[in-house]
């Protein structure tokens, strides 16, 4: 599952208190595999949301690849961009699964 692979890698990059630019190179293969799995099947509203999420995730990933010495001040911290990428991935996964319903355990 490419989405699970990307989520686990993003979790590994978000959990340490310090994130260095050289660790972001590990994102290339999981992001490519996950983006390739994003399909545009579904209703027109679903396709629009899919394109918006793909744009947000692509922007976050592209901004992460800018070398640290050339980044503007507001992009120096990678944490918000990694969270944006993770959030877009989660929302896209929920968007793709139209049959998704929360599981509520039955009591008694």
N, C-alpha and C. Protein backbone atom coordinates (compact mmCIF):
# COMPACT_ATOMS: atom_id res chain seq x y z
N UNK A 1 0.84 -1.17 0.00
CA UNK A 1 0.00 0.00 0.00
C UNK A 1 0.89 1.25 0.00
N UNK A 2 0.93 1.99 -1.09
CA UNK A 2 1.83 3.15 -1.14
C UNK A 2 1.44 4.26 -0.18
N UNK A 3 0.15 4.41 0.11
CA UNK A 3 -0.26 5.46 1.05
C UNK A 3 0.21 5.15 2.47
N UNK A 4 0.09 3.89 2.87
CA UNK A 4 0.56 3.49 4.19
C UNK A 4 2.08 3.66 4.30
N UNK A 5 2.79 3.33 3.24
CA UNK A 5 4.24 3.50 3.22
C UNK A 5 4.61 4.98 3.41
N UNK A 6 3.90 5.88 2.71
CA UNK A 6 4.17 7.31 2.83
C UNK A 6 3.81 7.82 4.21
N UNK A 7 2.70 7.37 4.77
CA UNK A 7 2.29 7.82 6.11
C UNK A 7 3.31 7.38 7.16
N UNK A 8 3.79 6.15 7.05
CA UNK A 8 4.80 5.68 8.01
C UNK A 8 6.09 6.48 7.88
N UNK A 9 6.49 6.80 6.66
CA UNK A 9 7.69 7.59 6.48
C UNK A 9 7.50 9.01 7.00
N UNK A 10 6.33 9.62 6.73
CA UNK A 10 6.06 10.96 7.25
C UNK A 10 6.04 10.95 8.77
N UNK A 11 5.48 9.90 9.37
CA UNK A 11 5.51 9.78 10.82
C UNK A 11 6.92 9.71 11.35
N UNK A 12 7.78 8.99 10.64
CA UNK A 12 9.18 8.91 11.04
C UNK A 12 9.91 10.24 10.91
N UNK A 13 9.48 11.08 9.98
CA UNK A 13 10.11 12.39 9.82
C UNK A 13 9.53 13.43 10.78
N UNK A 14 8.27 13.24 11.18
CA UNK A 14 7.63 14.22 12.07
C UNK A 14 7.94 13.98 13.54
N UNK A 15 8.19 12.74 13.94
CA UNK A 15 8.37 12.43 15.35
C UNK A 15 9.67 12.95 15.95
N UNK A 16 10.80 12.88 15.26
CA UNK A 16 12.01 13.43 15.90
C UNK A 16 11.89 14.94 16.08
N UNK A 17 12.54 15.44 17.12
CA UNK A 17 12.44 16.88 17.38
C UNK A 17 13.25 17.70 16.38
N UNK A 18 14.22 17.09 15.72
CA UNK A 18 15.05 17.80 14.74
C UNK A 18 14.93 17.09 13.41
N UNK A 19 14.65 17.84 12.35
CA UNK A 19 14.55 17.27 11.02
C UNK A 19 15.56 17.99 10.14
N UNK A 20 16.44 17.26 9.52
CA UNK A 20 17.47 17.84 8.66
C UNK A 20 17.07 17.69 7.20
N UNK A 21 17.60 18.56 6.36
CA UNK A 21 17.24 18.52 4.94
C UNK A 21 17.65 17.21 4.28
N UNK A 22 18.71 16.59 4.73
CA UNK A 22 19.16 15.36 4.06
C UNK A 22 18.22 14.20 4.32
N UNK A 23 17.38 14.27 5.36
CA UNK A 23 16.41 13.20 5.59
C UNK A 23 15.20 13.32 4.66
N UNK A 24 14.97 14.49 4.10
CA UNK A 24 13.82 14.68 3.22
C UNK A 24 14.00 13.98 1.87
N UNK A 25 15.20 13.58 1.54
CA UNK A 25 15.43 12.85 0.28
C UNK A 25 14.77 11.49 0.30
N UNK A 26 14.46 10.97 1.48
CA UNK A 26 13.80 9.67 1.57
C UNK A 26 12.33 9.75 1.14
N UNK A 27 11.79 10.94 0.96
CA UNK A 27 10.40 11.10 0.57
C UNK A 27 10.15 10.84 -0.92
N UNK A 28 11.16 10.85 -1.75
CA UNK A 28 10.98 10.82 -3.19
C UNK A 28 10.20 9.61 -3.67
N UNK A 29 10.63 8.43 -3.35
CA UNK A 29 9.96 7.22 -3.84
C UNK A 29 8.55 7.05 -3.26
N UNK A 30 8.34 7.22 -1.95
CA UNK A 30 6.98 7.07 -1.44
C UNK A 30 6.00 8.10 -2.00
N UNK A 31 6.45 9.34 -2.18
CA UNK A 31 5.56 10.37 -2.75
C UNK A 31 5.22 10.02 -4.18
N UNK A 32 6.19 9.59 -4.96
CA UNK A 32 5.92 9.21 -6.36
C UNK A 32 4.96 8.03 -6.43
N UNK A 33 5.15 7.04 -5.57
CA UNK A 33 4.26 5.88 -5.58
C UNK A 33 2.85 6.26 -5.14
N UNK A 34 2.74 7.12 -4.14
CA UNK A 34 1.44 7.52 -3.65
C UNK A 34 0.70 8.40 -4.66
N UNK A 35 1.41 9.37 -5.26
CA UNK A 35 0.77 10.25 -6.24
C UNK A 35 0.32 9.46 -7.47
N UNK A 36 1.05 8.42 -7.83
CA UNK A 36 0.67 7.61 -8.99
C UNK A 36 -0.60 6.82 -8.70
N UNK A 37 -0.87 6.52 -7.43
CA UNK A 37 -2.05 5.76 -7.07
C UNK A 37 -3.30 6.63 -6.94
N UNK A 38 -3.13 7.96 -6.93
CA UNK A 38 -4.28 8.85 -6.80
C UNK A 38 -5.03 8.83 -8.12
N UNK A 39 -6.24 8.37 -8.09
CA UNK A 39 -7.03 8.34 -9.31
C UNK A 39 -8.13 9.40 -9.25
N UNK A 40 -8.70 9.70 -10.39
CA UNK A 40 -9.73 10.73 -10.47
C UNK A 40 -11.11 10.12 -10.66
N UNK A 41 -11.29 8.87 -10.27
CA UNK A 41 -12.60 8.23 -10.42
C UNK A 41 -13.57 8.79 -9.39
N UNK A 42 -14.81 8.85 -9.77
CA UNK A 42 -15.84 9.32 -8.85
C UNK A 42 -16.62 10.48 -9.44
N UNK A 43 -17.36 11.15 -8.57
CA UNK A 43 -18.19 12.26 -9.02
C UNK A 43 -17.34 13.47 -9.35
N UNK A 44 -17.98 14.48 -9.96
CA UNK A 44 -17.23 15.69 -10.33
C UNK A 44 -16.75 16.44 -9.10
N UNK A 45 -17.55 16.42 -8.02
CA UNK A 45 -17.12 17.06 -6.78
C UNK A 45 -15.90 16.33 -6.21
N UNK A 46 -15.89 15.02 -6.32
CA UNK A 46 -14.77 14.23 -5.86
C UNK A 46 -13.51 14.52 -6.68
N UNK A 47 -13.67 14.69 -7.99
CA UNK A 47 -12.53 14.99 -8.85
C UNK A 47 -11.93 16.36 -8.54
N UNK A 48 -12.79 17.33 -8.26
CA UNK A 48 -12.30 18.67 -7.92
C UNK A 48 -11.54 18.63 -6.61
N UNK A 49 -12.09 17.96 -5.61
CA UNK A 49 -11.39 17.83 -4.33
C UNK A 49 -10.08 17.08 -4.50
N UNK A 50 -10.08 16.04 -5.34
CA UNK A 50 -8.86 15.27 -5.60
C UNK A 50 -7.79 16.17 -6.21
N UNK A 51 -8.16 17.00 -7.16
CA UNK A 51 -7.18 17.90 -7.80
C UNK A 51 -6.66 18.95 -6.82
N UNK A 52 -7.53 19.49 -5.96
CA UNK A 52 -7.08 20.46 -4.97
C UNK A 52 -6.11 19.83 -3.97
N UNK A 53 -6.43 18.63 -3.54
CA UNK A 53 -5.54 17.93 -2.61
C UNK A 53 -4.21 17.57 -3.27
N UNK A 54 -4.27 17.18 -4.53
CA UNK A 54 -3.03 16.87 -5.25
C UNK A 54 -2.18 18.12 -5.41
N UNK A 55 -2.81 19.26 -5.68
CA UNK A 55 -2.07 20.52 -5.78
C UNK A 55 -1.43 20.89 -4.44
N UNK A 56 -2.19 20.77 -3.35
CA UNK A 56 -1.64 21.11 -2.03
C UNK A 56 -0.48 20.19 -1.66
N UNK A 57 -0.64 18.91 -1.92
CA UNK A 57 0.43 17.95 -1.60
C UNK A 57 1.65 18.19 -2.50
N UNK A 58 1.42 18.50 -3.76
CA UNK A 58 2.54 18.77 -4.67
C UNK A 58 3.29 20.03 -4.27
N UNK A 59 2.54 21.07 -3.85
CA UNK A 59 3.19 22.29 -3.38
C UNK A 59 4.04 22.02 -2.15
N UNK A 60 3.48 21.28 -1.20
CA UNK A 60 4.22 20.99 0.03
C UNK A 60 5.48 20.18 -0.28
N UNK A 61 5.36 19.19 -1.14
CA UNK A 61 6.52 18.37 -1.47
C UNK A 61 7.57 19.18 -2.22
N UNK A 62 7.15 20.01 -3.16
CA UNK A 62 8.09 20.83 -3.92
C UNK A 62 8.79 21.83 -3.02
N UNK A 63 8.06 22.44 -2.09
CA UNK A 63 8.67 23.40 -1.18
C UNK A 63 9.68 22.73 -0.24
N UNK A 64 9.47 21.45 0.05
CA UNK A 64 10.43 20.73 0.89
C UNK A 64 11.76 20.50 0.17
N UNK A 65 11.74 20.46 -1.16
CA UNK A 65 12.95 20.17 -1.92
C UNK A 65 13.84 21.38 -2.16
N UNK A 66 13.36 22.58 -1.81
CA UNK A 66 14.19 23.77 -1.97
C UNK A 66 15.34 23.70 -0.97
N UNK A 67 16.57 23.92 -1.40
CA UNK A 67 17.69 23.87 -0.45
C UNK A 67 17.52 24.89 0.68
N UNK A 68 17.96 24.52 1.85
CA UNK A 68 17.77 25.34 3.05
C UNK A 68 18.35 26.75 2.90
N UNK A 69 19.46 26.88 2.18
CA UNK A 69 20.09 28.20 2.04
C UNK A 69 19.29 29.14 1.15
N UNK A 70 18.42 28.60 0.29
CA UNK A 70 17.65 29.43 -0.63
C UNK A 70 16.19 29.60 -0.21
N UNK A 71 15.78 28.94 0.87
CA UNK A 71 14.39 29.03 1.31
C UNK A 71 14.11 30.40 1.91
N UNK A 72 12.92 30.96 1.62
CA UNK A 72 12.52 32.18 2.32
C UNK A 72 12.30 31.87 3.81
N UNK A 73 12.22 32.89 4.60
CA UNK A 73 12.13 32.72 6.05
C UNK A 73 10.89 31.91 6.45
N UNK A 74 9.77 32.12 5.78
CA UNK A 74 8.54 31.43 6.16
C UNK A 74 8.53 29.96 5.75
N UNK A 75 9.50 29.50 4.96
CA UNK A 75 9.58 28.09 4.60
C UNK A 75 10.77 27.38 5.26
N UNK A 76 11.47 28.06 6.16
CA UNK A 76 12.65 27.45 6.80
C UNK A 76 12.27 26.23 7.63
N UNK A 77 11.11 26.23 8.27
CA UNK A 77 10.69 25.11 9.08
C UNK A 77 9.93 24.11 8.21
N UNK A 78 10.34 22.86 8.21
CA UNK A 78 9.72 21.83 7.37
C UNK A 78 8.48 21.23 8.00
N UNK A 79 8.27 21.43 9.29
CA UNK A 79 7.16 20.78 9.98
C UNK A 79 5.79 21.12 9.40
N UNK A 80 5.45 22.40 9.15
CA UNK A 80 4.13 22.68 8.57
C UNK A 80 3.93 22.05 7.19
N UNK A 81 4.98 22.00 6.40
CA UNK A 81 4.87 21.40 5.07
C UNK A 81 4.66 19.90 5.15
N UNK A 82 5.35 19.25 6.09
CA UNK A 82 5.15 17.81 6.28
C UNK A 82 3.74 17.51 6.78
N UNK A 83 3.22 18.38 7.67
CA UNK A 83 1.84 18.19 8.13
C UNK A 83 0.84 18.43 7.01
N UNK A 84 1.10 19.40 6.15
CA UNK A 84 0.23 19.64 5.00
C UNK A 84 0.22 18.43 4.08
N UNK A 85 1.38 17.86 3.82
CA UNK A 85 1.47 16.66 2.99
C UNK A 85 0.72 15.50 3.62
N UNK A 86 0.88 15.31 4.91
CA UNK A 86 0.20 14.22 5.61
C UNK A 86 -1.32 14.43 5.62
N UNK A 87 -1.77 15.66 5.85
CA UNK A 87 -3.20 15.96 5.86
C UNK A 87 -3.82 15.77 4.49
N UNK A 88 -3.15 16.23 3.44
CA UNK A 88 -3.66 16.05 2.08
C UNK A 88 -3.75 14.57 1.74
N UNK A 89 -2.78 13.80 2.16
CA UNK A 89 -2.81 12.35 1.91
C UNK A 89 -3.98 11.69 2.64
N UNK A 90 -4.21 12.08 3.89
CA UNK A 90 -5.31 11.49 4.65
C UNK A 90 -6.66 11.87 4.05
N UNK A 91 -6.83 13.12 3.67
CA UNK A 91 -8.10 13.55 3.08
C UNK A 91 -8.32 12.90 1.71
N UNK A 92 -7.27 12.72 0.95
CA UNK A 92 -7.40 12.09 -0.35
C UNK A 92 -7.76 10.63 -0.20
N UNK A 93 -7.22 9.97 0.80
CA UNK A 93 -7.55 8.57 1.04
C UNK A 93 -9.02 8.43 1.42
N UNK A 94 -9.51 9.32 2.27
CA UNK A 94 -10.93 9.30 2.62
C UNK A 94 -11.80 9.65 1.41
N UNK A 95 -11.35 10.56 0.56
CA UNK A 95 -12.09 10.94 -0.63
C UNK A 95 -12.17 9.77 -1.61
N UNK A 96 -11.10 9.02 -1.72
CA UNK A 96 -11.06 7.90 -2.66
C UNK A 96 -11.97 6.76 -2.22
N UNK A 97 -12.10 6.58 -0.92
CA UNK A 97 -12.93 5.49 -0.40
C UNK A 97 -14.34 6.00 -0.17
N UNK A 98 -15.17 5.91 -1.19
CA UNK A 98 -16.54 6.41 -1.07
C UNK A 98 -17.39 5.53 -0.15
N UNK A 99 -16.97 4.28 0.04
CA UNK A 99 -17.74 3.38 0.89
C UNK A 99 -17.31 3.46 2.36
N UNK A 100 -16.47 4.44 2.69
CA UNK A 100 -15.94 4.53 4.04
C UNK A 100 -17.02 4.93 5.02
N UNK A 101 -17.17 4.15 6.06
CA UNK A 101 -18.08 4.49 7.14
C UNK A 101 -17.37 4.18 8.45
N UNK A 102 -17.53 5.02 9.43
CA UNK A 102 -16.86 4.74 10.69
C UNK A 102 -17.44 3.49 11.36
N UNK A 103 -16.60 2.73 11.98
CA UNK A 103 -17.03 1.50 12.66
C UNK A 103 -17.34 1.85 14.11
N UNK A 104 -18.57 1.63 14.48
CA UNK A 104 -18.99 1.90 15.85
C UNK A 104 -19.25 0.55 16.51
N UNK A 105 -18.49 0.23 17.55
CA UNK A 105 -18.68 -1.08 18.19
C UNK A 105 -20.04 -1.15 18.88
N UNK A 106 -20.67 -2.31 18.76
CA UNK A 106 -21.96 -2.53 19.40
C UNK A 106 -21.74 -2.97 20.84
N UNK A 107 -22.48 -2.37 21.73
CA UNK A 107 -22.37 -2.75 23.13
C UNK A 107 -23.63 -3.50 23.54
N UNK A 108 -23.43 -4.50 24.34
CA UNK A 108 -24.54 -5.26 24.89
C UNK A 108 -25.06 -6.22 24.00
